Amino acid sequence: MEHTKAYLNYKKKANEKFVRYDEGAEMYHMSLSKFMQFAKDAKACYKIGQLVLVKLEIIDEYLETFHIVDDNFYK
């Protein structure tokens, strides 16, 4: 399985907690606008002046709320 450059860099820096929108979009294989909205919905954004950082731990927890557990979906 081949990973994106952003994902490999993230794994290399395992202590990294925050990413910018473009890095997060590449890591989660989403469009930039989709990731921006996802981060806002998750309330994972930290704004410092014009810089916006997204906390990955919050994104991961929010993503788990979309886990499909209904067996009928997988048939």
PDB file of N, CA and C in Angstrom:
ATOM      1  N   MET A   1       0.834  -1.176   0.000  1.00  0.00           N
ATOM      2  CA  MET A   1       0.000   0.000   0.000  1.00  0.00           C
ATOM      3  C   MET A   1       0.882   1.245   0.000  1.00  0.00           C
ATOM      4  N   GLU A   2       0.646   2.127  -0.917  1.00  0.00           N
ATOM      5  CA  GLU A   2       1.449   3.329  -1.042  1.00  0.00           C
ATOM      6  C   GLU A   2       0.789   4.490  -0.308  1.00  0.00           C
ATOM      7  N   HIS A   3       1.555   5.198   0.483  1.00  0.00           N
ATOM      8  CA  HIS A   3       1.030   6.332   1.247  1.00  0.00           C
ATOM      9  C   HIS A   3       1.493   7.641   0.629  1.00  0.00           C
ATOM     10  N   THR A   4       0.740   8.700   0.916  1.00  0.00           N
ATOM     11  CA  THR A   4       1.111  10.011   0.414  1.00  0.00           C
ATOM     12  C   THR A   4       2.325  10.544   1.172  1.00  0.00           C
ATOM     13  N   LYS A   5       2.968  11.517   0.576  1.00  0.00           N
ATOM     14  CA  LYS A   5       4.138  12.129   1.190  1.00  0.00           C
ATOM     15  C   LYS A   5       3.780  12.763   2.535  1.00  0.00           C
ATOM     16  N   ALA A   6       2.631  13.427   2.612  1.00  0.00           N
ATOM     17  CA  ALA A   6       2.213  14.075   3.862  1.00  0.00           C
ATOM     18  C   ALA A   6       1.996  13.039   4.960  1.00  0.00           C
ATOM     19  N   TYR A   7       1.415  11.891   4.603  1.00  0.00           N
ATOM     20  CA  TYR A   7       1.165  10.848   5.596  1.00  0.00           C
ATOM     21  C   TYR A   7       2.486  10.277   6.104  1.00  0.00           C
ATOM     22  N   LEU A   8       3.429  10.049   5.207  1.00  0.00           N
ATOM     23  CA  LEU A   8       4.724   9.514   5.623  1.00  0.00           C
ATOM     24  C   LEU A   8       5.466  10.504   6.510  1.00  0.00           C
ATOM     25  N   ASN A   9       5.385  11.778   6.182  1.00  0.00           N
ATOM     26  CA  ASN A   9       6.001  12.798   7.030  1.00  0.00           C
ATOM     27  C   ASN A   9       5.340  12.836   8.402  1.00  0.00           C
ATOM     28  N   TYR A  10       4.022  12.681   8.428  1.00  0.00           N
ATOM     29  CA  TYR A  10       3.296  12.649   9.699  1.00  0.00           C
ATOM     30  C   TYR A  10       3.761  11.469  10.546  1.00  0.00           C
ATOM     31  N   LYS A  11       3.890  10.315   9.936  1.00  0.00           N
ATOM     32  CA  LYS A  11       4.319   9.132  10.670  1.00  0.00           C
ATOM     33  C   LYS A  11       5.752   9.298  11.189  1.00  0.00           C
ATOM     34  N   LYS A  12       6.581   9.986  10.409  1.00  0.00           N
ATOM     35  CA  LYS A  12       7.958  10.223  10.817  1.00  0.00           C
ATOM     36  C   LYS A  12       7.999  11.096  12.064  1.00  0.00           C
ATOM     37  N   LYS A  13       7.129  12.086  12.116  1.00  0.00           N
ATOM     38  CA  LYS A  13       7.042  12.990  13.268  1.00  0.00           C
ATOM     39  C   LYS A  13       5.825  12.568  14.089  1.00  0.00           C
ATOM     40  N   ALA A  14       5.924  11.474  14.785  1.00  0.00           N
ATOM     41  CA  ALA A  14       4.779  10.892  15.491  1.00  0.00           C
ATOM     42  C   ALA A  14       4.221  11.815  16.572  1.00  0.00           C
ATOM     43  N   ASN A  15       5.010  12.781  17.019  1.00  0.00           N
ATOM     44  CA  ASN A  15       4.527  13.670  18.070  1.00  0.00           C
ATOM     45  C   ASN A  15       3.805  14.893  17.513  1.00  0.00           C
ATOM     46  N   GLU A  16       3.648  14.983  16.209  1.00  0.00           N
ATOM     47  CA  GLU A  16       2.971  16.126  15.601  1.00  0.00           C
ATOM     48  C   GLU A  16       1.474  16.054  15.902  1.00  0.00           C
ATOM     49  N   LYS A  17       0.952  17.119  16.489  1.00  0.00           N
ATOM     50  CA  LYS A  17      -0.445  17.138  16.881  1.00  0.00           C
ATOM     51  C   LYS A  17      -1.304  17.978  15.953  1.00  0.00           C
ATOM     52  N   PHE A  18      -0.691  18.948  15.287  1.00  0.00           N
ATOM     53  CA  PHE A  18      -1.443  19.902  14.480  1.00  0.00           C
ATOM     54  C   PHE A  18      -0.934  19.912  13.048  1.00  0.00           C
ATOM     55  N   VAL A  19      -1.847  20.136  12.107  1.00  0.00           N
ATOM     56  CA  VAL A  19      -1.479  20.302  10.705  1.00  0.00           C
ATOM     57  C   VAL A  19      -2.257  21.483  10.129  1.00  0.00           C
ATOM     58  N   ARG A  20      -1.788  21.966   9.012  1.00  0.00           N
ATOM     59  CA  ARG A  20      -2.543  22.977   8.283  1.00  0.00           C
ATOM     60  C   ARG A  20      -3.574  22.266   7.418  1.00  0.00           C
ATOM     61  N   TYR A  21      -4.510  23.062   6.903  1.00  0.00           N
ATOM     62  CA  TYR A  21      -5.591  22.474   6.095  1.00  0.00           C
ATOM     63  C   TYR A  21      -5.060  21.625   4.945  1.00  0.00           C
ATOM     64  N   ASP A  22      -4.101  22.133   4.186  1.00  0.00           N
ATOM     65  CA  ASP A  22      -3.634  21.403   3.002  1.00  0.00           C
ATOM     66  C   ASP A  22      -2.952  20.089   3.363  1.00  0.00           C
ATOM     67  N   GLU A  23      -2.207  20.076   4.465  1.00  0.00           N
ATOM     68  CA  GLU A  23      -1.563  18.839   4.911  1.00  0.00           C
ATOM     69  C   GLU A  23      -2.609  17.813   5.360  1.00  0.00           C
ATOM     70  N   GLY A  24      -3.594  18.273   6.104  1.00  0.00           N
ATOM     71  CA  GLY A  24      -4.651  17.382   6.585  1.00  0.00           C
ATOM     72  C   GLY A  24      -5.475  16.802   5.452  1.00  0.00           C
ATOM     73  N   ALA A  25      -5.777  17.638   4.464  1.00  0.00           N
ATOM     74  CA  ALA A  25      -6.554  17.162   3.315  1.00  0.00           C
ATOM     75  C   ALA A  25      -5.803  16.057   2.582  1.00  0.00           C
ATOM     76  N   GLU A  26      -4.503  16.227   2.445  1.00  0.00           N
ATOM     77  CA  GLU A  26      -3.701  15.198   1.767  1.00  0.00           C
ATOM     78  C   GLU A  26      -3.611  13.934   2.625  1.00  0.00           C
ATOM     79  N   MET A  27      -3.461  14.096   3.929  1.00  0.00           N
ATOM     80  CA  MET A  27      -3.347  12.933   4.824  1.00  0.00           C
ATOM     81  C   MET A  27      -4.610  12.093   4.835  1.00  0.00           C
ATOM     82  N   TYR A  28      -5.765  12.749   4.822  1.00  0.00           N
ATOM     83  CA  TYR A  28      -7.040  12.042   4.904  1.00  0.00           C
ATOM     84  C   TYR A  28      -7.676  11.804   3.538  1.00  0.00           C
ATOM     85  N   HIS A  29      -6.942  12.102   2.480  1.00  0.00           N
ATOM     86  CA  HIS A  29      -7.401  11.862   1.106  1.00  0.00           C
ATOM     87  C   HIS A  29      -8.747  12.516   0.832  1.00  0.00           C
ATOM     88  N   MET A  30      -8.842  13.799   1.200  1.00  0.00           N
ATOM     89  CA  MET A  30     -10.051  14.589   0.964  1.00  0.00           C
ATOM     90  C   MET A  30      -9.669  15.821   0.159  1.00  0.00           C
ATOM     91  N   SER A  31     -10.670  16.437  -0.432  1.00  0.00           N
ATOM     92  CA  SER A  31     -10.412  17.724  -1.062  1.00  0.00           C
ATOM     93  C   SER A  31     -10.162  18.745   0.047  1.00  0.00           C
ATOM     94  N   LEU A  32      -9.539  19.843  -0.305  1.00  0.00           N
ATOM     95  CA  LEU A  32      -9.237  20.878   0.679  1.00  0.00           C
ATOM     96  C   LEU A  32     -10.513  21.441   1.291  1.00  0.00           C
ATOM     97  N   SER A  33     -11.516  21.723   0.464  1.00  0.00           N
ATOM     98  CA  SER A  33     -12.752  22.301   0.991  1.00  0.00           C
ATOM     99  C   SER A  33     -13.486  21.313   1.897  1.00  0.00           C
ATOM    100  N   LYS A  34     -13.465  20.036   1.551  1.00  0.00           N
ATOM    101  CA  LYS A  34     -14.110  19.006   2.376  1.00  0.00           C
ATOM    102  C   LYS A  34     -13.410  18.886   3.733  1.00  0.00           C
ATOM    103  N   PHE A  35     -12.075  18.913   3.725  1.00  0.00           N
ATOM    104  CA  PHE A  35     -11.327  18.812   4.978  1.00  0.00           C
ATOM    105  C   PHE A  35     -11.546  20.048   5.843  1.00  0.00           C
ATOM    106  N   MET A  36     -11.598  21.222   5.224  1.00  0.00           N
ATOM    107  CA  MET A  36     -11.846  22.448   5.979  1.00  0.00           C
ATOM    108  C   MET A  36     -13.198  22.372   6.690  1.00  0.00           C
ATOM    109  N   GLN A  37     -14.222  21.937   5.975  1.00  0.00           N
ATOM    110  CA  GLN A  37     -15.548  21.828   6.569  1.00  0.00           C
ATOM    111  C   GLN A  37     -15.581  20.746   7.646  1.00  0.00           C
ATOM    112  N   PHE A  38     -14.894  19.645   7.390  1.00  0.00           N
ATOM    113  CA  PHE A  38     -14.819  18.545   8.344  1.00  0.00           C
ATOM    114  C   PHE A  38     -14.163  19.010   9.643  1.00  0.00           C
ATOM    115  N   ALA A  39     -13.066  19.755   9.528  1.00  0.00           N
ATOM    116  CA  ALA A  39     -12.351  20.264  10.702  1.00  0.00           C
ATOM    117  C   ALA A  39     -13.215  21.252  11.485  1.00  0.00           C
ATOM    118  N   LYS A  40     -13.952  22.076  10.761  1.00  0.00           N
ATOM    119  CA  LYS A  40     -14.841  23.035  11.432  1.00  0.00           C
ATOM    120  C   LYS A  40     -15.983  22.310  12.141  1.00  0.00           C
ATOM    121  N   ASP A  41     -16.552  21.320  11.496  1.00  0.00           N
ATOM    122  CA  ASP A  41     -17.634  20.545  12.107  1.00  0.00           C
ATOM    123  C   ASP A  41     -17.148  19.815  13.365  1.00  0.00           C
ATOM    124  N   ALA A  42     -15.908  19.355  13.320  1.00  0.00           N
ATOM    125  CA  ALA A  42     -15.327  18.641  14.457  1.00  0.00           C
ATOM    126  C   ALA A  42     -14.883  19.596  15.558  1.00  0.00           C
ATOM    127  N   LYS A  43     -14.884  20.886  15.261  1.00  0.00           N
ATOM    128  CA  LYS A  43     -14.383  21.901  16.196  1.00  0.00           C
ATOM    129  C   LYS A  43     -12.928  21.619  16.571  1.00  0.00           C
ATOM    130  N   ALA A  44     -12.123  21.330  15.539  1.00  0.00           N
ATOM    131  CA  ALA A  44     -10.719  20.984  15.727  1.00  0.00           C
ATOM    132  C   ALA A  44      -9.771  22.088  15.288  1.00  0.00           C
ATOM    133  N   CYS A  45     -10.293  23.281  15.024  1.00  0.00           N
ATOM    134  CA  CYS A  45      -9.491  24.378  14.481  1.00  0.00           C
ATOM    135  C   CYS A  45      -8.961  25.287  15.576  1.00  0.00           C
ATOM    136  N   TYR A  46      -7.718  25.692  15.406  1.00  0.00           N
ATOM    137  CA  TYR A  46      -7.076  26.672  16.275  1.00  0.00           C
ATOM    138  C   TYR A  46      -6.585  27.792  15.380  1.00  0.00           C
ATOM    139  N   LYS A  47      -7.029  29.016  15.651  1.00  0.00           N
ATOM    140  CA  LYS A  47      -6.675  30.140  14.791  1.00  0.00           C
ATOM    141  C   LYS A  47      -5.705  31.054  15.518  1.00  0.00           C
ATOM    142  N   ILE A  48      -4.575  31.297  14.884  1.00  0.00           N
ATOM    143  CA  ILE A  48      -3.539  32.176  15.410  1.00  0.00           C
ATOM    144  C   ILE A  48      -3.296  33.235  14.339  1.00  0.00           C
ATOM    145  N   GLY A  49      -3.893  34.390  14.510  1.00  0.00           N
ATOM    146  CA  GLY A  49      -3.830  35.407  13.457  1.00  0.00           C
ATOM    147  C   GLY A  49      -4.575  34.881  12.245  1.00  0.00           C
ATOM    148  N   GLN A  50      -3.865  34.793  11.119  1.00  0.00           N
ATOM    149  CA  GLN A  50      -4.482  34.231   9.912  1.00  0.00           C
ATOM    150  C   GLN A  50      -4.149  32.757   9.721  1.00  0.00           C
ATOM    151  N   LEU A  51      -3.311  32.217  10.589  1.00  0.00           N
ATOM    152  CA  LEU A  51      -2.912  30.815  10.515  1.00  0.00           C
ATOM    153  C   LEU A  51      -3.953  29.950  11.203  1.00  0.00           C
ATOM    154  N   VAL A  52      -4.397  28.895  10.532  1.00  0.00           N
ATOM    155  CA  VAL A  52      -5.338  27.939  11.129  1.00  0.00           C
ATOM    156  C   VAL A  52      -4.650  26.587  11.208  1.00  0.00           C
ATOM    157  N   LEU A  53      -4.638  26.022  12.401  1.00  0.00           N
ATOM    158  CA  LEU A  53      -4.106  24.683  12.623  1.00  0.00           C
ATOM    159  C   LEU A  53      -5.242  23.766  13.034  1.00  0.00           C
ATOM    160  N   VAL A  54      -5.129  22.506  12.655  1.00  0.00           N
ATOM    161  CA  VAL A  54      -6.162  21.511  12.953  1.00  0.00           C
ATOM    162  C   VAL A  54      -5.547  20.439  13.843  1.00  0.00           C
ATOM    163  N   LYS A  55      -6.203  20.159  14.954  1.00  0.00           N
ATOM    164  CA  LYS A  55      -5.711  19.146  15.886  1.00  0.00           C
ATOM    165  C   LYS A  55      -6.145  17.763  15.403  1.00  0.00           C
ATOM    166  N   LEU A  56      -5.170  16.920  15.119  1.00  0.00           N
ATOM    167  CA  LEU A  56      -5.440  15.605  14.527  1.00  0.00           C
ATOM    168  C   LEU A  56      -6.187  14.673  15.482  1.00  0.00           C
ATOM    169  N   GLU A  57      -5.923  14.784  16.757  1.00  0.00           N
ATOM    170  CA  GLU A  57      -6.592  13.913  17.728  1.00  0.00           C
ATOM    171  C   GLU A  57      -8.107  14.135  17.700  1.00  0.00           C
ATOM    172  N   ILE A  58      -8.524  15.383  17.601  1.00  0.00           N
ATOM    173  CA  ILE A  58      -9.952  15.698  17.545  1.00  0.00           C
ATOM    174  C   ILE A  58     -10.556  15.204  16.236  1.00  0.00           C
ATOM    175  N   ILE A  59      -9.808  15.367  15.146  1.00  0.00           N
ATOM    176  CA  ILE A  59     -10.278  14.883  13.834  1.00  0.00           C
ATOM    177  C   ILE A  59     -10.493  13.375  13.883  1.00  0.00           C
ATOM    178  N   ASP A  60      -9.545  12.647  14.453  1.00  0.00           N
ATOM    179  CA  ASP A  60      -9.668  11.188  14.527  1.00  0.00           C
ATOM    180  C   ASP A  60     -10.874  10.760  15.364  1.00  0.00           C
ATOM    181  N   GLU A  61     -11.088  11.428  16.487  1.00  0.00           N
ATOM    182  CA  GLU A  61     -12.250  11.103  17.327  1.00  0.00           C
ATOM    183  C   GLU A  61     -13.553  11.395  16.586  1.00  0.00           C
ATOM    184  N   TYR A  62     -13.607  12.514  15.887  1.00  0.00           N
ATOM    185  CA  TYR A  62     -14.807  12.895  15.141  1.00  0.00           C
ATOM    186  C   TYR A  62     -15.055  11.918  13.997  1.00  0.00           C
ATOM    187  N   LEU A  63     -14.000  11.495  13.342  1.00  0.00           N
ATOM    188  CA  LEU A  63     -14.120  10.555  12.233  1.00  0.00           C
ATOM    189  C   LEU A  63     -14.735   9.233  12.691  1.00  0.00           C
ATOM    190  N   GLU A  64     -14.411   8.811  13.894  1.00  0.00           N
ATOM    191  CA  GLU A  64     -14.954   7.557  14.437  1.00  0.00           C
ATOM    192  C   GLU A  64     -16.474   7.619  14.613  1.00  0.00           C
ATOM    193  N   THR A  65     -17.045   8.807  14.732  1.00  0.00           N
ATOM    194  CA  THR A  65     -18.498   8.909  14.883  1.00  0.00           C
ATOM    195  C   THR A  65     -19.230   8.527  13.596  1.00  0.00           C
ATOM    196  N   PHE A  66     -18.502   8.439  12.484  1.00  0.00           N
ATOM    197  CA  PHE A  66     -19.098   8.071  11.203  1.00  0.00           C
ATOM    198  C   PHE A  66     -18.924   6.591  10.887  1.00  0.00           C
ATOM    199  N   HIS A  67     -18.368   5.832  11.823  1.00  0.00           N
ATOM    200  CA  HIS A  67     -18.150   4.404  11.622  1.00  0.00           C
ATOM    201  C   HIS A  67     -19.503   3.707  11.445  1.00  0.00           C
ATOM    202  N   ILE A  68     -19.624   2.947  10.385  1.00  0.00           N
ATOM    203  CA  ILE A  68     -20.874   2.247  10.085  1.00  0.00           C
ATOM    204  C   ILE A  68     -20.811   0.867  10.734  1.00  0.00           C
ATOM    205  N   VAL A  69     -21.727   0.624  11.654  1.00  0.00           N
ATOM    206  CA  VAL A  69     -21.742  -0.655  12.361  1.00  0.00           C
ATOM    207  C   VAL A  69     -22.929  -1.519  11.957  1.00  0.00           C
ATOM    208  N   ASP A  70     -23.798  -1.018  11.115  1.00  0.00           N
ATOM    209  CA  ASP A  70     -24.965  -1.764  10.664  1.00  0.00           C
ATOM    210  C   ASP A  70     -24.537  -2.870   9.703  1.00  0.00           C
ATOM    211  N   ASP A  71     -24.843  -4.112  10.031  1.00  0.00           N
ATOM    212  CA  ASP A  71     -24.455  -5.247   9.204  1.00  0.00           C
ATOM    213  C   ASP A  71     -25.087  -5.206   7.814  1.00  0.00           C
ATOM    214  N   ASN A  72     -26.277  -4.637   7.698  1.00  0.00           N
ATOM    215  CA  ASN A  72     -26.957  -4.579   6.406  1.00  0.00           C
ATOM    216  C   ASN A  72     -26.192  -3.739   5.388  1.00  0.00           C
ATOM    217  N   PHE A  73     -25.412  -2.791   5.854  1.00  0.00           N
ATOM    218  CA  PHE A  73     -24.621  -1.950   4.949  1.00  0.00           C
ATOM    219  C   PHE A  73     -23.570  -2.784   4.222  1.00  0.00           C
ATOM    220  N   TYR A  74     -23.030  -3.780   4.882  1.00  0.00           N
ATOM    221  CA  TYR A  74     -21.925  -4.568   4.344  1.00  0.00           C
ATOM    222  C   TYR A  74     -22.376  -5.778   3.525  1.00  0.00           C
ATOM    223  N   LYS A  75     -23.665  -5.945   3.295  1.00  0.00           N
ATOM    224  CA  LYS A  75     -24.168  -7.075   2.510  1.00  0.00           C
ATOM    225  C   LYS A  75     -24.213  -6.749   1.049  1.00  0.00           C
TER     226      LYS A  75
END
